[in-house]
């Protein structure tokens, strides 16, 4: 079934207008390389998603067995390149996104072009303080995703892009920064499992650092 995403319903209006990129290093995802970020998972439908209890506001602790009852939600996460623009829809949380471009956004073609996509220019990334997140490509397609370790002092230089071969799911720990999952194919569908609260803390590379984060679209 074709991926249907309405560009008028995107959750965040993208920031544009710069002409500088920061290209991330590209490495293959493995047990060793993902240490601290997450892990590869072979049983995506049964793997336990970490849920983080609600933080205390002062010196009084959160009561035991409270603050983490939101549980887990799951659903289809659809990605589609329309020409040189990457759109996505996460049915687990009901949001649509414009994640990035393979050309300067002001010049991005709306229709398919003959030249290959060499990199994705990503304008924002986020992390989820309430829980982990798992992505499983349902058709075994490879993809690239830029990640950074936890910490609100994040900069473009702290991101590394991981190439995943599509045979396993990618699981990310809570608080791990992640940009867009970028399929190398024109379309891809993922099983998405994550904390139901879906709190997001974001970084805007364009407004904060005057650049796009560039993820190479190739195998390392």
N, C-alpha and C. Protein backbone atom coordinates (compact mmCIF):
# COMPACT_ATOMS: atom_id res chain seq x y z
N UNK A 1 0.85 -1.18 0.00
CA UNK A 1 0.00 0.00 0.00
C UNK A 1 0.89 1.24 0.00
N UNK A 2 0.65 2.23 -0.87
CA UNK A 2 1.51 3.41 -0.92
C UNK A 2 1.41 4.24 0.35
N UNK A 3 2.51 4.89 0.70
CA UNK A 3 2.54 5.74 1.88
C UNK A 3 1.83 7.05 1.55
N UNK A 4 0.83 7.41 2.36
CA UNK A 4 0.09 8.64 2.14
C UNK A 4 0.35 9.59 3.31
N UNK A 5 1.03 10.71 3.02
CA UNK A 5 1.36 11.69 4.04
C UNK A 5 0.97 13.06 3.53
N UNK A 6 0.16 13.78 4.29
CA UNK A 6 -0.30 15.11 3.90
C UNK A 6 0.70 16.15 4.37
N UNK A 7 1.41 16.82 3.46
CA UNK A 7 2.39 17.82 3.89
C UNK A 7 1.78 18.96 4.69
N UNK A 8 0.46 19.16 4.58
CA UNK A 8 -0.19 20.24 5.32
C UNK A 8 -0.40 19.89 6.80
N UNK A 9 -0.16 18.64 7.16
CA UNK A 9 -0.43 18.20 8.53
C UNK A 9 0.86 17.93 9.33
N UNK A 10 1.99 18.45 8.88
CA UNK A 10 3.24 18.17 9.59
C UNK A 10 3.23 18.83 10.96
N UNK A 11 3.88 18.15 11.92
CA UNK A 11 3.83 18.59 13.31
C UNK A 11 4.66 19.84 13.56
N UNK A 12 5.77 20.01 12.85
CA UNK A 12 6.64 21.16 13.06
C UNK A 12 6.98 21.79 11.72
N UNK A 13 6.84 23.12 11.64
CA UNK A 13 7.26 23.83 10.44
C UNK A 13 8.77 23.85 10.39
N UNK A 14 9.39 23.34 9.33
CA UNK A 14 10.85 23.25 9.30
C UNK A 14 11.52 24.62 9.23
N UNK A 15 12.70 24.70 9.85
CA UNK A 15 13.54 25.88 9.76
C UNK A 15 14.48 25.72 8.56
N UNK A 16 14.63 26.78 7.78
CA UNK A 16 15.47 26.74 6.58
C UNK A 16 16.25 28.05 6.48
N UNK A 17 16.93 28.23 5.36
CA UNK A 17 17.55 29.51 5.07
C UNK A 17 19.04 29.59 5.28
N UNK A 18 19.68 28.49 5.65
CA UNK A 18 21.13 28.51 5.81
C UNK A 18 21.78 27.76 4.66
N UNK A 19 23.08 27.97 4.49
CA UNK A 19 23.82 27.32 3.41
C UNK A 19 25.09 26.67 3.96
N UNK A 20 24.96 26.04 5.09
CA UNK A 20 26.10 25.36 5.70
C UNK A 20 25.62 24.03 6.24
N UNK A 21 26.46 23.01 6.12
CA UNK A 21 26.12 21.71 6.66
C UNK A 21 27.23 21.25 7.60
N UNK A 22 26.85 20.40 8.54
CA UNK A 22 27.84 19.66 9.32
C UNK A 22 27.63 18.19 8.99
N UNK A 23 28.59 17.59 8.29
CA UNK A 23 28.45 16.19 7.88
C UNK A 23 28.92 15.28 9.00
N UNK A 24 28.07 14.35 9.39
CA UNK A 24 28.37 13.45 10.49
C UNK A 24 29.24 12.29 10.03
N UNK A 25 30.07 11.76 10.92
CA UNK A 25 30.75 10.49 10.60
C UNK A 25 29.72 9.39 10.41
N UNK A 26 30.04 8.41 9.58
CA UNK A 26 29.13 7.30 9.30
C UNK A 26 29.80 6.00 9.71
N UNK A 27 29.12 5.23 10.59
CA UNK A 27 29.64 3.94 10.99
C UNK A 27 28.51 2.91 10.95
N UNK A 28 28.87 1.65 10.87
CA UNK A 28 27.89 0.58 10.85
C UNK A 28 27.38 0.31 12.26
N UNK A 29 26.09 0.14 12.40
CA UNK A 29 25.50 -0.18 13.70
C UNK A 29 25.87 -1.60 14.10
N UNK A 30 26.33 -1.77 15.33
CA UNK A 30 26.68 -3.09 15.86
C UNK A 30 26.52 -3.03 17.36
N UNK A 31 26.65 -4.18 18.00
CA UNK A 31 26.58 -4.21 19.46
C UNK A 31 27.61 -3.29 20.07
N UNK A 32 28.81 -3.30 19.52
CA UNK A 32 29.89 -2.48 20.07
C UNK A 32 29.69 -1.00 19.77
N UNK A 33 29.37 -0.65 18.54
CA UNK A 33 29.29 0.76 18.18
C UNK A 33 28.09 1.46 18.80
N UNK A 34 27.04 0.71 19.15
CA UNK A 34 25.83 1.30 19.73
C UNK A 34 25.88 1.39 21.25
N UNK A 35 26.97 1.00 21.87
CA UNK A 35 27.07 1.05 23.33
C UNK A 35 26.82 2.48 23.82
N UNK A 36 25.88 2.61 24.76
CA UNK A 36 25.51 3.91 25.29
C UNK A 36 24.32 4.52 24.58
N UNK A 37 24.14 4.18 23.30
CA UNK A 37 23.01 4.69 22.52
C UNK A 37 21.80 3.75 22.60
N UNK A 38 22.07 2.47 22.50
CA UNK A 38 21.00 1.48 22.44
C UNK A 38 21.56 0.15 22.00
N UNK A 39 20.79 -0.60 21.21
CA UNK A 39 21.25 -1.92 20.79
C UNK A 39 20.43 -2.38 19.59
N UNK A 40 20.93 -3.41 18.92
CA UNK A 40 20.18 -4.10 17.88
C UNK A 40 19.34 -5.20 18.53
N UNK A 41 18.14 -5.41 18.01
CA UNK A 41 17.18 -6.31 18.64
C UNK A 41 16.63 -7.27 17.59
N UNK A 42 16.62 -8.56 17.93
CA UNK A 42 16.11 -9.58 17.01
C UNK A 42 14.66 -9.98 17.29
N UNK A 43 14.11 -9.57 18.44
CA UNK A 43 12.71 -9.89 18.77
C UNK A 43 11.94 -8.59 19.02
N UNK A 44 11.72 -7.78 17.98
CA UNK A 44 11.19 -6.43 18.17
C UNK A 44 9.81 -6.36 18.80
N UNK A 45 8.98 -7.36 18.59
CA UNK A 45 7.61 -7.29 19.12
C UNK A 45 7.54 -7.67 20.60
N UNK A 46 8.60 -8.25 21.14
CA UNK A 46 8.60 -8.67 22.54
C UNK A 46 9.61 -7.94 23.39
N UNK A 47 10.49 -7.19 22.78
CA UNK A 47 11.56 -6.53 23.52
C UNK A 47 10.97 -5.50 24.49
N UNK A 48 11.41 -5.50 25.77
CA UNK A 48 10.85 -4.56 26.75
C UNK A 48 11.35 -3.12 26.51
N UNK A 49 10.42 -2.19 26.42
CA UNK A 49 10.74 -0.78 26.24
C UNK A 49 10.92 -0.14 27.62
N UNK A 50 12.06 0.52 27.81
CA UNK A 50 12.31 1.19 29.09
C UNK A 50 11.34 2.36 29.27
N UNK A 51 10.74 2.46 30.46
CA UNK A 51 9.88 3.58 30.81
C UNK A 51 10.50 4.28 32.03
N UNK A 52 10.67 5.59 31.93
CA UNK A 52 11.32 6.37 32.99
C UNK A 52 10.25 6.99 33.88
N UNK A 53 10.31 6.79 35.21
CA UNK A 53 9.33 7.40 36.11
C UNK A 53 9.36 8.92 36.03
N UNK A 54 8.22 9.54 36.31
CA UNK A 54 8.12 11.00 36.33
C UNK A 54 9.13 11.56 37.33
N UNK A 55 9.87 12.60 36.98
CA UNK A 55 10.90 13.11 37.89
C UNK A 55 10.31 13.88 39.07
N UNK A 56 10.96 13.78 40.20
CA UNK A 56 10.56 14.54 41.38
C UNK A 56 10.86 16.03 41.16
N UNK A 57 10.03 16.90 41.72
CA UNK A 57 10.20 18.34 41.56
C UNK A 57 11.05 18.97 42.66
N UNK A 58 11.22 18.25 43.75
CA UNK A 58 12.01 18.77 44.87
C UNK A 58 12.62 17.62 45.64
N UNK A 59 12.73 17.81 46.95
CA UNK A 59 13.38 16.77 47.75
C UNK A 59 12.46 15.62 48.08
N UNK A 60 11.13 15.78 47.92
CA UNK A 60 10.21 14.68 48.19
C UNK A 60 10.21 13.72 47.00
N UNK A 61 10.38 12.44 47.28
CA UNK A 61 10.48 11.43 46.23
C UNK A 61 9.11 11.10 45.64
N UNK A 62 9.11 10.62 44.42
CA UNK A 62 7.89 10.10 43.80
C UNK A 62 7.50 8.82 44.53
N UNK A 63 6.21 8.66 44.83
CA UNK A 63 5.75 7.46 45.50
C UNK A 63 6.09 6.22 44.68
N UNK A 64 6.40 5.14 45.38
CA UNK A 64 6.70 3.89 44.70
C UNK A 64 5.52 3.44 43.86
N UNK A 65 5.86 2.83 42.70
CA UNK A 65 4.87 2.28 41.77
C UNK A 65 3.97 3.36 41.17
N UNK A 66 4.46 4.60 41.11
CA UNK A 66 3.71 5.67 40.44
C UNK A 66 4.66 6.40 39.48
N UNK A 67 4.07 7.18 38.60
CA UNK A 67 4.85 8.02 37.70
C UNK A 67 5.34 7.35 36.45
N UNK A 68 5.01 6.07 36.27
CA UNK A 68 5.45 5.37 35.07
C UNK A 68 4.35 4.48 34.49
N UNK A 69 3.09 4.92 34.71
CA UNK A 69 1.96 4.09 34.27
C UNK A 69 1.50 4.37 32.85
N UNK A 70 2.21 5.27 32.13
CA UNK A 70 1.80 5.57 30.77
C UNK A 70 1.91 4.39 29.83
N UNK A 71 2.89 3.53 30.12
CA UNK A 71 3.04 2.32 29.33
C UNK A 71 3.63 2.58 27.95
N UNK A 72 3.40 1.63 27.06
CA UNK A 72 4.02 1.63 25.73
C UNK A 72 2.94 1.70 24.66
N UNK A 73 3.24 2.43 23.61
CA UNK A 73 2.36 2.45 22.44
C UNK A 73 3.15 1.96 21.24
N UNK A 74 2.46 1.48 20.23
CA UNK A 74 3.14 1.01 19.03
C UNK A 74 2.27 1.23 17.82
N UNK A 75 2.90 1.25 16.66
CA UNK A 75 2.16 1.44 15.42
C UNK A 75 3.11 1.53 14.24
N UNK A 76 2.56 1.81 13.09
CA UNK A 76 3.33 1.90 11.86
C UNK A 76 3.97 3.28 11.74
N UNK A 77 5.25 3.31 11.40
CA UNK A 77 5.98 4.56 11.14
C UNK A 77 6.36 4.52 9.66
N UNK A 78 5.73 5.38 8.87
CA UNK A 78 5.91 5.39 7.42
C UNK A 78 6.84 6.52 7.00
N UNK A 79 7.74 6.23 6.06
CA UNK A 79 8.66 7.22 5.52
C UNK A 79 8.54 7.23 4.00
N UNK A 80 8.60 8.43 3.42
CA UNK A 80 8.50 8.54 1.97
C UNK A 80 9.30 9.74 1.48
N UNK A 81 10.19 9.47 0.52
CA UNK A 81 10.83 10.54 -0.22
C UNK A 81 9.88 11.00 -1.31
N UNK A 82 9.57 12.30 -1.32
CA UNK A 82 8.83 12.91 -2.43
C UNK A 82 9.82 13.82 -3.14
N UNK A 83 10.34 13.33 -4.25
CA UNK A 83 11.42 14.06 -4.89
C UNK A 83 12.62 14.10 -3.97
N UNK A 84 13.00 15.31 -3.54
CA UNK A 84 14.17 15.47 -2.67
C UNK A 84 13.79 15.89 -1.25
N UNK A 85 12.55 15.61 -0.84
CA UNK A 85 12.07 15.93 0.50
C UNK A 85 11.60 14.65 1.19
N UNK A 86 12.02 14.48 2.44
CA UNK A 86 11.65 13.29 3.20
C UNK A 86 10.51 13.61 4.17
N UNK A 87 9.38 12.93 3.99
CA UNK A 87 8.23 13.04 4.88
C UNK A 87 8.07 11.74 5.66
N UNK A 88 7.35 11.82 6.78
CA UNK A 88 7.08 10.62 7.58
C UNK A 88 5.80 10.80 8.36
N UNK A 89 5.18 9.68 8.71
CA UNK A 89 4.02 9.70 9.60
C UNK A 89 4.16 8.58 10.62
N UNK A 90 4.04 8.94 11.90
CA UNK A 90 4.11 7.99 13.00
C UNK A 90 2.70 7.73 13.52
N UNK A 91 2.13 6.60 13.14
CA UNK A 91 0.76 6.29 13.55
C UNK A 91 0.66 5.96 15.04
N UNK A 92 1.77 5.61 15.67
CA UNK A 92 1.74 5.30 17.10
C UNK A 92 1.38 6.52 17.93
N UNK A 93 1.77 7.72 17.46
CA UNK A 93 1.48 8.95 18.21
C UNK A 93 0.65 9.93 17.40
N UNK A 94 0.36 9.61 16.13
CA UNK A 94 -0.54 10.43 15.32
C UNK A 94 0.09 11.69 14.76
N UNK A 95 1.39 11.71 14.56
CA UNK A 95 2.07 12.90 14.04
C UNK A 95 2.65 12.65 12.65
N UNK A 96 2.70 13.72 11.83
CA UNK A 96 3.38 13.71 10.55
C UNK A 96 4.54 14.70 10.60
N UNK A 97 5.57 14.43 9.79
CA UNK A 97 6.79 15.23 9.87
C UNK A 97 7.36 15.50 8.48
N UNK A 98 8.06 16.63 8.37
CA UNK A 98 8.99 16.87 7.28
C UNK A 98 10.36 16.81 7.92
N UNK A 99 11.10 15.74 7.63
CA UNK A 99 12.34 15.47 8.35
C UNK A 99 13.57 16.11 7.70
N UNK A 100 13.58 16.27 6.37
CA UNK A 100 14.78 16.82 5.76
C UNK A 100 14.73 16.75 4.25
N UNK A 101 15.88 17.01 3.64
CA UNK A 101 15.99 17.11 2.19
C UNK A 101 17.30 16.48 1.73
N UNK A 102 17.38 16.13 0.46
CA UNK A 102 18.63 15.65 -0.12
C UNK A 102 19.29 16.74 -0.96
N UNK A 103 18.73 17.94 -0.93
CA UNK A 103 19.26 19.11 -1.61
C UNK A 103 18.92 20.30 -0.72
N UNK A 104 19.48 21.47 -1.00
CA UNK A 104 19.05 22.65 -0.27
C UNK A 104 17.53 22.75 -0.37
N UNK A 105 16.83 23.00 0.71
CA UNK A 105 15.35 22.97 0.66
C UNK A 105 14.76 23.95 -0.35
N UNK A 106 15.42 25.09 -0.56
CA UNK A 106 14.91 26.06 -1.54
C UNK A 106 15.01 25.53 -2.96
N UNK A 107 15.86 24.53 -3.18
CA UNK A 107 16.07 23.97 -4.52
C UNK A 107 15.58 22.53 -4.64
N UNK A 108 14.99 21.99 -3.59
CA UNK A 108 14.58 20.58 -3.59
C UNK A 108 13.48 20.34 -4.60
N UNK A 109 13.71 19.36 -5.46
CA UNK A 109 12.72 19.02 -6.49
C UNK A 109 11.53 18.31 -5.86
N UNK A 110 10.34 18.62 -6.35
CA UNK A 110 9.13 17.99 -5.85
C UNK A 110 8.90 16.62 -6.49
N UNK A 111 9.47 16.41 -7.67
CA UNK A 111 9.31 15.16 -8.39
C UNK A 111 10.61 14.37 -8.36
N UNK A 112 10.56 13.06 -8.59
CA UNK A 112 11.78 12.25 -8.61
C UNK A 112 12.81 12.80 -9.59
N UNK A 113 14.09 12.70 -9.20
CA UNK A 113 15.17 13.16 -10.05
C UNK A 113 16.11 11.99 -10.34
N UNK A 114 16.90 12.12 -11.39
CA UNK A 114 17.77 11.01 -11.81
C UNK A 114 18.99 10.87 -10.91
N UNK A 115 19.47 11.98 -10.33
CA UNK A 115 20.70 11.91 -9.54
C UNK A 115 20.45 11.20 -8.22
N UNK A 116 21.41 10.44 -7.73
CA UNK A 116 21.23 9.72 -6.46
C UNK A 116 21.23 10.67 -5.27
N UNK A 117 20.57 10.26 -4.22
CA UNK A 117 20.60 11.03 -2.97
C UNK A 117 21.89 10.72 -2.22
N UNK A 118 22.74 11.71 -2.05
CA UNK A 118 24.04 11.49 -1.41
C UNK A 118 23.99 11.71 0.09
N UNK A 119 23.14 12.59 0.56
CA UNK A 119 23.06 12.89 1.99
C UNK A 119 21.67 13.44 2.31
N UNK A 120 21.27 13.33 3.55
CA UNK A 120 20.04 13.95 4.04
C UNK A 120 20.41 15.15 4.88
N UNK A 121 19.81 16.29 4.60
CA UNK A 121 20.02 17.51 5.38
C UNK A 121 18.89 17.60 6.39
N UNK A 122 19.23 17.44 7.66
CA UNK A 122 18.25 17.32 8.74
C UNK A 122 18.27 18.59 9.57
N UNK A 123 17.08 19.13 9.85
CA UNK A 123 17.01 20.44 10.51
C UNK A 123 16.79 20.35 12.02
N UNK A 124 16.37 19.18 12.53
CA UNK A 124 16.14 19.07 13.98
C UNK A 124 16.37 17.64 14.44
N UNK A 125 16.56 17.47 15.74
CA UNK A 125 16.63 16.16 16.38
C UNK A 125 15.98 16.29 17.75
N UNK A 126 15.68 15.14 18.38
CA UNK A 126 15.05 15.20 19.70
C UNK A 126 15.42 13.97 20.51
N UNK A 127 15.04 14.00 21.79
CA UNK A 127 15.12 12.81 22.63
C UNK A 127 13.86 12.70 23.46
N UNK A 128 13.62 11.52 24.00
CA UNK A 128 12.42 11.25 24.79
C UNK A 128 12.83 10.96 26.24
N UNK A 129 12.54 11.86 27.18
CA UNK A 129 12.91 11.63 28.58
C UNK A 129 12.03 10.61 29.29
N UNK A 130 10.91 10.22 28.68
CA UNK A 130 9.97 9.33 29.36
C UNK A 130 10.17 7.86 29.03
N UNK A 131 10.92 7.54 27.97
CA UNK A 131 11.06 6.13 27.63
C UNK A 131 11.92 5.90 26.41
N UNK A 132 12.23 4.63 26.15
CA UNK A 132 13.01 4.25 24.99
C UNK A 132 12.14 4.17 23.75
N UNK A 133 12.78 3.88 22.61
CA UNK A 133 12.05 3.77 21.35
C UNK A 133 12.72 2.72 20.47
N UNK A 134 11.89 1.92 19.80
CA UNK A 134 12.37 0.84 18.95
C UNK A 134 11.82 1.03 17.54
N UNK A 135 12.69 0.80 16.54
CA UNK A 135 12.32 0.90 15.13
C UNK A 135 12.69 -0.40 14.43
N UNK A 136 11.73 -1.00 13.75
CA UNK A 136 11.98 -2.26 13.03
C UNK A 136 11.51 -2.13 11.59
N UNK A 137 12.43 -2.17 10.61
CA UNK A 137 12.03 -2.07 9.20
C UNK A 137 11.30 -3.33 8.75
N UNK A 138 10.02 -3.19 8.40
CA UNK A 138 9.18 -4.35 8.15
C UNK A 138 9.56 -5.10 6.88
N UNK A 139 10.27 -4.45 5.97
CA UNK A 139 10.68 -5.11 4.73
C UNK A 139 12.20 -5.29 4.67
N UNK A 140 12.86 -5.19 5.79
CA UNK A 140 14.29 -5.44 5.85
C UNK A 140 15.14 -4.41 5.12
N UNK A 141 14.66 -3.17 5.03
CA UNK A 141 15.38 -2.15 4.28
C UNK A 141 16.42 -1.46 5.15
N UNK A 142 17.54 -1.12 4.54
CA UNK A 142 18.58 -0.42 5.28
C UNK A 142 18.20 1.05 5.47
N UNK A 143 18.79 1.65 6.50
CA UNK A 143 18.51 3.05 6.80
C UNK A 143 19.68 3.63 7.58
N UNK A 144 19.69 4.95 7.65
CA UNK A 144 20.72 5.70 8.38
C UNK A 144 20.02 6.58 9.40
N UNK A 145 20.62 6.71 10.60
CA UNK A 145 20.05 7.59 11.63
C UNK A 145 21.18 8.25 12.40
N UNK A 146 21.15 9.59 12.55
CA UNK A 146 22.15 10.28 13.37
C UNK A 146 21.76 10.25 14.84
N UNK A 147 22.73 9.92 15.71
CA UNK A 147 22.50 9.80 17.15
C UNK A 147 23.55 10.57 17.92
N UNK A 148 23.16 11.02 19.12
CA UNK A 148 24.10 11.64 20.05
C UNK A 148 23.76 11.17 21.45
N UNK A 149 24.76 11.08 22.30
CA UNK A 149 24.56 10.62 23.67
C UNK A 149 23.82 11.68 24.48
N UNK A 150 23.19 11.29 25.60
CA UNK A 150 22.38 12.23 26.39
C UNK A 150 23.17 13.45 26.87
N UNK A 151 22.43 14.55 27.02
CA UNK A 151 23.00 15.79 27.51
C UNK A 151 22.42 16.96 26.75
N UNK A 152 21.92 17.97 27.46
CA UNK A 152 21.28 19.09 26.79
C UNK A 152 22.27 20.06 26.15
N UNK A 153 23.55 19.90 26.40
CA UNK A 153 24.56 20.74 25.76
C UNK A 153 25.00 20.16 24.42
N UNK A 154 24.10 19.49 23.74
CA UNK A 154 24.41 18.82 22.48
C UNK A 154 24.78 19.84 21.40
N UNK A 155 25.66 19.44 20.50
CA UNK A 155 26.05 20.24 19.34
C UNK A 155 26.09 19.33 18.13
N UNK A 156 26.12 19.88 16.91
CA UNK A 156 26.20 19.01 15.73
C UNK A 156 27.40 18.09 15.76
N UNK A 157 28.52 18.54 16.34
CA UNK A 157 29.73 17.74 16.37
C UNK A 157 29.60 16.48 17.22
N UNK A 158 28.59 16.41 18.07
CA UNK A 158 28.41 15.25 18.93
C UNK A 158 27.59 14.14 18.28
N UNK A 159 27.09 14.38 17.08
CA UNK A 159 26.27 13.38 16.39
C UNK A 159 27.13 12.47 15.52
N UNK A 160 26.74 11.20 15.50
CA UNK A 160 27.31 10.19 14.62
C UNK A 160 26.15 9.52 13.89
N UNK A 161 26.28 9.30 12.60
CA UNK A 161 25.25 8.59 11.85
C UNK A 161 25.56 7.10 11.82
N UNK A 162 24.55 6.30 12.13
CA UNK A 162 24.68 4.85 12.14
C UNK A 162 23.94 4.27 10.93
N UNK A 163 24.65 3.42 10.18
CA UNK A 163 24.01 2.69 9.09
C UNK A 163 23.53 1.35 9.62
N UNK A 164 22.24 1.08 9.42
CA UNK A 164 21.63 -0.18 9.88
C UNK A 164 21.23 -0.99 8.65
N UNK A 165 21.58 -2.27 8.66
CA UNK A 165 21.35 -3.08 7.45
C UNK A 165 19.91 -3.54 7.29
N UNK A 166 19.05 -3.32 8.29
CA UNK A 166 17.64 -3.64 8.16
C UNK A 166 17.25 -5.03 8.61
N UNK A 167 18.21 -5.84 9.01
CA UNK A 167 17.87 -7.20 9.43
C UNK A 167 17.40 -7.25 10.87
N UNK A 168 17.76 -6.25 11.66
CA UNK A 168 17.38 -6.20 13.08
C UNK A 168 16.69 -4.87 13.37
N UNK A 169 15.99 -4.83 14.49
CA UNK A 169 15.42 -3.58 14.97
C UNK A 169 16.51 -2.76 15.66
N UNK A 170 16.32 -1.45 15.66
CA UNK A 170 17.20 -0.54 16.39
C UNK A 170 16.45 -0.05 17.62
N UNK A 171 17.03 -0.28 18.79
CA UNK A 171 16.43 0.22 20.03
C UNK A 171 17.30 1.33 20.61
N UNK A 172 16.67 2.44 21.00
CA UNK A 172 17.37 3.58 21.58
C UNK A 172 16.94 3.76 23.03
N UNK A 173 17.93 3.98 23.91
CA UNK A 173 17.64 4.23 25.31
C UNK A 173 16.93 5.58 25.49
N UNK A 174 16.22 5.77 26.60
CA UNK A 174 15.69 7.10 26.90
C UNK A 174 16.81 8.14 26.91
N UNK A 175 16.47 9.36 26.52
CA UNK A 175 17.36 10.53 26.56
C UNK A 175 18.43 10.53 25.46
N UNK A 176 18.44 9.54 24.58
CA UNK A 176 19.40 9.53 23.48
C UNK A 176 18.87 10.41 22.34
N UNK A 177 19.68 11.36 21.91
CA UNK A 177 19.31 12.23 20.80
C UNK A 177 19.23 11.43 19.50
N UNK A 178 18.19 11.65 18.71
CA UNK A 178 18.10 11.01 17.41
C UNK A 178 17.47 11.97 16.40
N UNK A 179 18.12 12.04 15.24
CA UNK A 179 17.53 12.73 14.11
C UNK A 179 16.61 11.79 13.38
N UNK A 180 16.26 12.16 12.17
CA UNK A 180 15.35 11.34 11.38
C UNK A 180 15.98 10.00 11.03
N UNK A 181 15.15 8.93 11.06
CA UNK A 181 15.54 7.72 10.36
C UNK A 181 15.42 8.02 8.87
N UNK A 182 16.46 7.71 8.12
CA UNK A 182 16.46 8.05 6.70
C UNK A 182 16.62 6.77 5.88
N UNK A 183 15.55 6.31 5.23
CA UNK A 183 15.67 5.11 4.39
C UNK A 183 16.46 5.42 3.13
N UNK A 184 17.24 4.44 2.68
CA UNK A 184 17.95 4.61 1.42
C UNK A 184 17.02 4.39 0.23
N UNK A 185 15.92 3.66 0.43
CA UNK A 185 14.92 3.47 -0.61
C UNK A 185 13.95 4.65 -0.63
N UNK A 186 13.10 4.69 -1.65
CA UNK A 186 12.14 5.78 -1.77
C UNK A 186 11.08 5.75 -0.68
N UNK A 187 10.72 4.57 -0.20
CA UNK A 187 9.72 4.41 0.84
C UNK A 187 10.16 3.32 1.80
N UNK A 188 9.71 3.41 3.04
CA UNK A 188 9.98 2.36 4.02
C UNK A 188 8.93 2.41 5.11
N UNK A 189 8.65 1.26 5.70
CA UNK A 189 7.71 1.15 6.81
C UNK A 189 8.40 0.46 7.98
N UNK A 190 8.21 1.03 9.16
CA UNK A 190 8.81 0.51 10.38
C UNK A 190 7.72 0.22 11.41
N UNK A 191 7.93 -0.83 12.19
CA UNK A 191 7.20 -0.99 13.45
C UNK A 191 7.86 -0.05 14.45
N UNK A 192 7.05 0.82 15.06
CA UNK A 192 7.55 1.74 16.08
C UNK A 192 6.94 1.37 17.42
N UNK A 193 7.80 1.19 18.43
CA UNK A 193 7.33 0.96 19.80
C UNK A 193 8.05 1.94 20.71
N UNK A 194 7.30 2.63 21.58
CA UNK A 194 7.87 3.69 22.38
C UNK A 194 6.98 4.01 23.58
N UNK A 195 7.49 4.85 24.48
CA UNK A 195 6.69 5.30 25.61
C UNK A 195 5.46 6.06 25.14
N UNK A 196 4.33 5.78 25.75
CA UNK A 196 3.07 6.38 25.32
C UNK A 196 3.02 7.89 25.58
N UNK A 197 3.71 8.36 26.62
CA UNK A 197 3.68 9.79 26.93
C UNK A 197 4.30 10.59 25.78
N UNK A 198 5.39 10.10 25.22
CA UNK A 198 6.03 10.70 24.03
C UNK A 198 6.46 12.14 24.28
N UNK A 199 7.06 12.40 25.44
CA UNK A 199 7.66 13.71 25.68
C UNK A 199 8.85 13.90 24.75
N UNK A 200 9.05 15.14 24.28
CA UNK A 200 10.13 15.41 23.34
C UNK A 200 10.91 16.65 23.78
N UNK A 201 12.22 16.54 23.74
CA UNK A 201 13.12 17.68 23.91
C UNK A 201 13.90 17.80 22.61
N UNK A 202 13.91 19.00 22.00
CA UNK A 202 14.43 19.12 20.64
C UNK A 202 15.61 20.08 20.55
N UNK A 203 16.41 19.89 19.50
CA UNK A 203 17.45 20.82 19.09
C UNK A 203 17.16 21.20 17.65
N UNK A 204 17.25 22.50 17.34
CA UNK A 204 17.04 23.01 15.99
C UNK A 204 18.40 23.44 15.46
N UNK A 205 18.95 22.66 14.54
CA UNK A 205 20.29 22.93 14.04
C UNK A 205 20.38 24.25 13.27
N UNK A 206 19.31 24.61 12.58
CA UNK A 206 19.32 25.82 11.76
C UNK A 206 19.35 27.07 12.64
N UNK A 207 18.43 27.15 13.62
CA UNK A 207 18.34 28.36 14.44
C UNK A 207 19.42 28.42 15.51
N UNK A 208 19.88 27.27 16.01
CA UNK A 208 20.87 27.26 17.09
C UNK A 208 22.30 27.27 16.58
N UNK A 209 22.55 26.65 15.44
CA UNK A 209 23.94 26.48 14.98
C UNK A 209 24.17 26.96 13.55
N UNK A 210 23.13 27.43 12.88
CA UNK A 210 23.29 27.96 11.54
C UNK A 210 23.69 26.94 10.50
N UNK A 211 23.24 25.70 10.67
CA UNK A 211 23.61 24.65 9.72
C UNK A 211 22.53 23.58 9.70
N UNK A 212 22.65 22.68 8.71
CA UNK A 212 21.89 21.44 8.70
C UNK A 212 22.82 20.31 9.14
N UNK A 213 22.25 19.31 9.80
CA UNK A 213 23.01 18.10 10.11
C UNK A 213 22.92 17.18 8.90
N UNK A 214 24.05 16.78 8.36
CA UNK A 214 24.06 15.97 7.14
C UNK A 214 24.39 14.53 7.47
N UNK A 215 23.49 13.62 7.06
CA UNK A 215 23.69 12.18 7.25
C UNK A 215 24.00 11.55 5.90
N UNK A 216 25.18 10.95 5.71
CA UNK A 216 25.51 10.32 4.43
C UNK A 216 24.56 9.15 4.13
N UNK A 217 24.12 9.05 2.89
CA UNK A 217 23.19 8.00 2.49
C UNK A 217 23.91 6.93 1.68
N UNK A 218 24.68 6.11 2.40
CA UNK A 218 25.42 5.03 1.77
C UNK A 218 25.81 4.03 2.85
N UNK A 219 26.34 2.94 2.42
CA UNK A 219 26.89 1.96 3.36
C UNK A 219 28.32 2.39 3.74
N UNK A 220 28.72 2.27 5.01
CA UNK A 220 30.09 2.67 5.40
C UNK A 220 31.14 1.86 4.66
